[in-house]
Every structure is written in C-alpha cells, then in structure tokens.
C-alpha cells in the first residue's frame, strides 16, 4: 500500500521536530502551505501534537517522529565513493 499524499505531508511535519530537545516545538502560521497546516491539524487530532497549530510532540508523537526521522536517514542517498 503506497503512502497517501496526506501521510507524506504528515511525515514531513514529523521530521521537522528536533528530537534532541523536548522543549522545542513548532508553530505553524496561518499563511503556511495549506497542506502543511492540514497535516499538523490531522496529527493533532490523532494525538501526536499538543496543539492544532503545532506545539510539542506528545509521547506518541515523539515515537512517530523518531520512526519518521529514522526512515528518512535509512532512505537517504548514500555516497558511492570509496
């Protein structure tokens, strides 16, 4: 089953969180990309974020963000140089 465009936008939100600090959140302004705004709102409704406009990761959100960020690293192109 391929990722839906909505899921891709949600993953894009999750990879923006700094996992080194639980004290850093994000704030999505009303003039941001509509797909990004909607993704943040869906993540909030799913219980992954603390506010409709971003905020902090919940425990579940942190877990999801860890996986999303790990996936990005795994799938990143690697240098073929020896």
C-alpha atoms as a PDB file:
ATOM      1  CA  UNK A   1       0.000   0.000   0.000  1.00  0.00           C
ATOM      2  CA  UNK A   2       1.621   3.286  -1.057  1.00  0.00           C
ATOM      3  CA  UNK A   3       1.701   6.348   1.181  1.00  0.00           C
ATOM      4  CA  UNK A   4      -1.085   8.835   0.523  1.00  0.00           C
ATOM      5  CA  UNK A   5      -0.209  12.494  -0.126  1.00  0.00           C
ATOM      6  CA  UNK A   6      -1.705  13.295   3.288  1.00  0.00           C
ATOM      7  CA  UNK A   7       0.602  10.797   5.002  1.00  0.00           C
ATOM      8  CA  UNK A   8       3.614  12.234   3.182  1.00  0.00           C
ATOM      9  CA  UNK A   9       2.695  15.703   4.485  1.00  0.00           C
ATOM     10  CA  UNK A  10       2.318  14.307   7.999  1.00  0.00           C
ATOM     11  CA  UNK A  11       5.734  12.653   7.771  1.00  0.00           C
ATOM     12  CA  UNK A  12       7.141  15.966   6.545  1.00  0.00           C
ATOM     13  CA  UNK A  13       5.822  17.616   9.711  1.00  0.00           C
ATOM     14  CA  UNK A  14       7.236  14.913  11.984  1.00  0.00           C
ATOM     15  CA  UNK A  15      10.739  15.112  10.533  1.00  0.00           C
ATOM     16  CA  UNK A  16      10.889  18.839  11.341  1.00  0.00           C
ATOM     17  CA  UNK A  17      10.850  18.265  15.094  1.00  0.00           C
ATOM     18  CA  UNK A  18      14.146  18.423  16.960  1.00  0.00           C
ATOM     19  CA  UNK A  19      14.287  15.188  18.940  1.00  0.00           C
ATOM     20  CA  UNK A  20      17.336  16.335  20.907  1.00  0.00           C
ATOM     21  CA  UNK A  21      15.121  18.609  22.979  1.00  0.00           C
ATOM     22  CA  UNK A  22      11.609  18.079  24.236  1.00  0.00           C
ATOM     23  CA  UNK A  23      11.478  21.822  24.856  1.00  0.00           C
ATOM     24  CA  UNK A  24      11.349  22.780  21.185  1.00  0.00           C
ATOM     25  CA  UNK A  25       8.057  22.740  19.365  1.00  0.00           C
ATOM     26  CA  UNK A  26       6.869  24.209  16.103  1.00  0.00           C
ATOM     27  CA  UNK A  27       4.340  26.926  15.387  1.00  0.00           C
ATOM     28  CA  UNK A  28       2.519  26.801  12.063  1.00  0.00           C
ATOM     29  CA  UNK A  29       1.256  30.189  10.974  1.00  0.00           C
ATOM     30  CA  UNK A  30      -1.956  30.705   9.027  1.00  0.00           C
ATOM     31  CA  UNK A  31      -0.006  31.786   5.927  1.00  0.00           C
ATOM     32  CA  UNK A  32       1.912  28.484   5.764  1.00  0.00           C
ATOM     33  CA  UNK A  33       1.396  25.957   2.973  1.00  0.00           C
ATOM     34  CA  UNK A  34      -2.225  24.687   3.274  1.00  0.00           C
ATOM     35  CA  UNK A  35      -1.121  21.043   3.025  1.00  0.00           C
ATOM     36  CA  UNK A  36       1.281  21.595   5.922  1.00  0.00           C
ATOM     37  CA  UNK A  37      -1.414  23.283   8.030  1.00  0.00           C
ATOM     38  CA  UNK A  38      -3.824  20.417   7.367  1.00  0.00           C
ATOM     39  CA  UNK A  39      -1.158  17.821   8.177  1.00  0.00           C
ATOM     40  CA  UNK A  40      -0.459  19.499  11.525  1.00  0.00           C
ATOM     41  CA  UNK A  41      -4.168  19.552  12.324  1.00  0.00           C
ATOM     42  CA  UNK A  42      -4.503  15.840  11.461  1.00  0.00           C
ATOM     43  CA  UNK A  43      -1.527  14.983  13.666  1.00  0.00           C
ATOM     44  CA  UNK A  44      -3.119  16.968  16.494  1.00  0.00           C
ATOM     45  CA  UNK A  45      -6.421  15.096  16.013  1.00  0.00           C
ATOM     46  CA  UNK A  46      -4.517  11.798  16.110  1.00  0.00           C
ATOM     47  CA  UNK A  47      -2.941  12.777  19.432  1.00  0.00           C
ATOM     48  CA  UNK A  48       0.612  13.242  18.150  1.00  0.00           C
ATOM     49  CA  UNK A  49       0.846  17.010  18.744  1.00  0.00           C
ATOM     50  CA  UNK A  50      -0.203  19.156  21.693  1.00  0.00           C
ATOM     51  CA  UNK A  51      -1.840  21.991  19.693  1.00  0.00           C
ATOM     52  CA  UNK A  52      -3.781  22.426  16.450  1.00  0.00           C
ATOM     53  CA  UNK A  53      -1.055  24.750  15.169  1.00  0.00           C
ATOM     54  CA  UNK A  54       1.842  22.505  16.124  1.00  0.00           C
ATOM     55  CA  UNK A  55       3.136  22.819  19.632  1.00  0.00           C
ATOM     56  CA  UNK A  56       5.083  19.931  21.079  1.00  0.00           C
ATOM     57  CA  UNK A  57       5.130  16.232  20.383  1.00  0.00           C
ATOM     58  CA  UNK A  58       3.093  14.019  22.676  1.00  0.00           C
ATOM     59  CA  UNK A  59       4.677  10.737  23.780  1.00  0.00           C
ATOM     60  CA  UNK A  60       3.024   9.030  20.811  1.00  0.00           C
ATOM     61  CA  UNK A  61       4.127  11.876  18.542  1.00  0.00           C
ATOM     62  CA  UNK A  62       7.724  11.572  19.702  1.00  0.00           C
ATOM     63  CA  UNK A  63       7.654   7.851  18.980  1.00  0.00           C
ATOM     64  CA  UNK A  64       6.250   8.514  15.489  1.00  0.00           C
ATOM     65  CA  UNK A  65       8.786  11.291  14.852  1.00  0.00           C
ATOM     66  CA  UNK A  66      11.653   9.001  15.872  1.00  0.00           C
ATOM     67  CA  UNK A  67      10.495   6.433  13.325  1.00  0.00           C
ATOM     68  CA  UNK A  68       9.896   9.044  10.617  1.00  0.00           C
ATOM     69  CA  UNK A  69      13.325  10.555  11.110  1.00  0.00           C
ATOM     70  CA  UNK A  70      14.983   7.135  11.154  1.00  0.00           C
ATOM     71  CA  UNK A  71      13.231   6.246   7.906  1.00  0.00           C
ATOM     72  CA  UNK A  72      14.489   9.434   6.244  1.00  0.00           C
ATOM     73  CA  UNK A  73      18.055   8.566   7.276  1.00  0.00           C
ATOM     74  CA  UNK A  74      17.733   4.970   6.066  1.00  0.00           C
ATOM     75  CA  UNK A  75      16.329   6.044   2.699  1.00  0.00           C
ATOM     76  CA  UNK A  76      18.750   8.947   2.185  1.00  0.00           C
ATOM     77  CA  UNK A  77      21.072   8.503  -0.782  1.00  0.00           C
ATOM     78  CA  UNK A  78      24.497   7.345   0.304  1.00  0.00           C
ATOM     79  CA  UNK A  79      27.724   8.300  -1.335  1.00  0.00           C
ATOM     80  CA  UNK A  80      29.082   5.540  -3.549  1.00  0.00           C
ATOM     81  CA  UNK A  81      32.618   6.928  -3.260  1.00  0.00           C
ATOM     82  CA  UNK A  82      35.120   4.644  -1.547  1.00  0.00           C
END
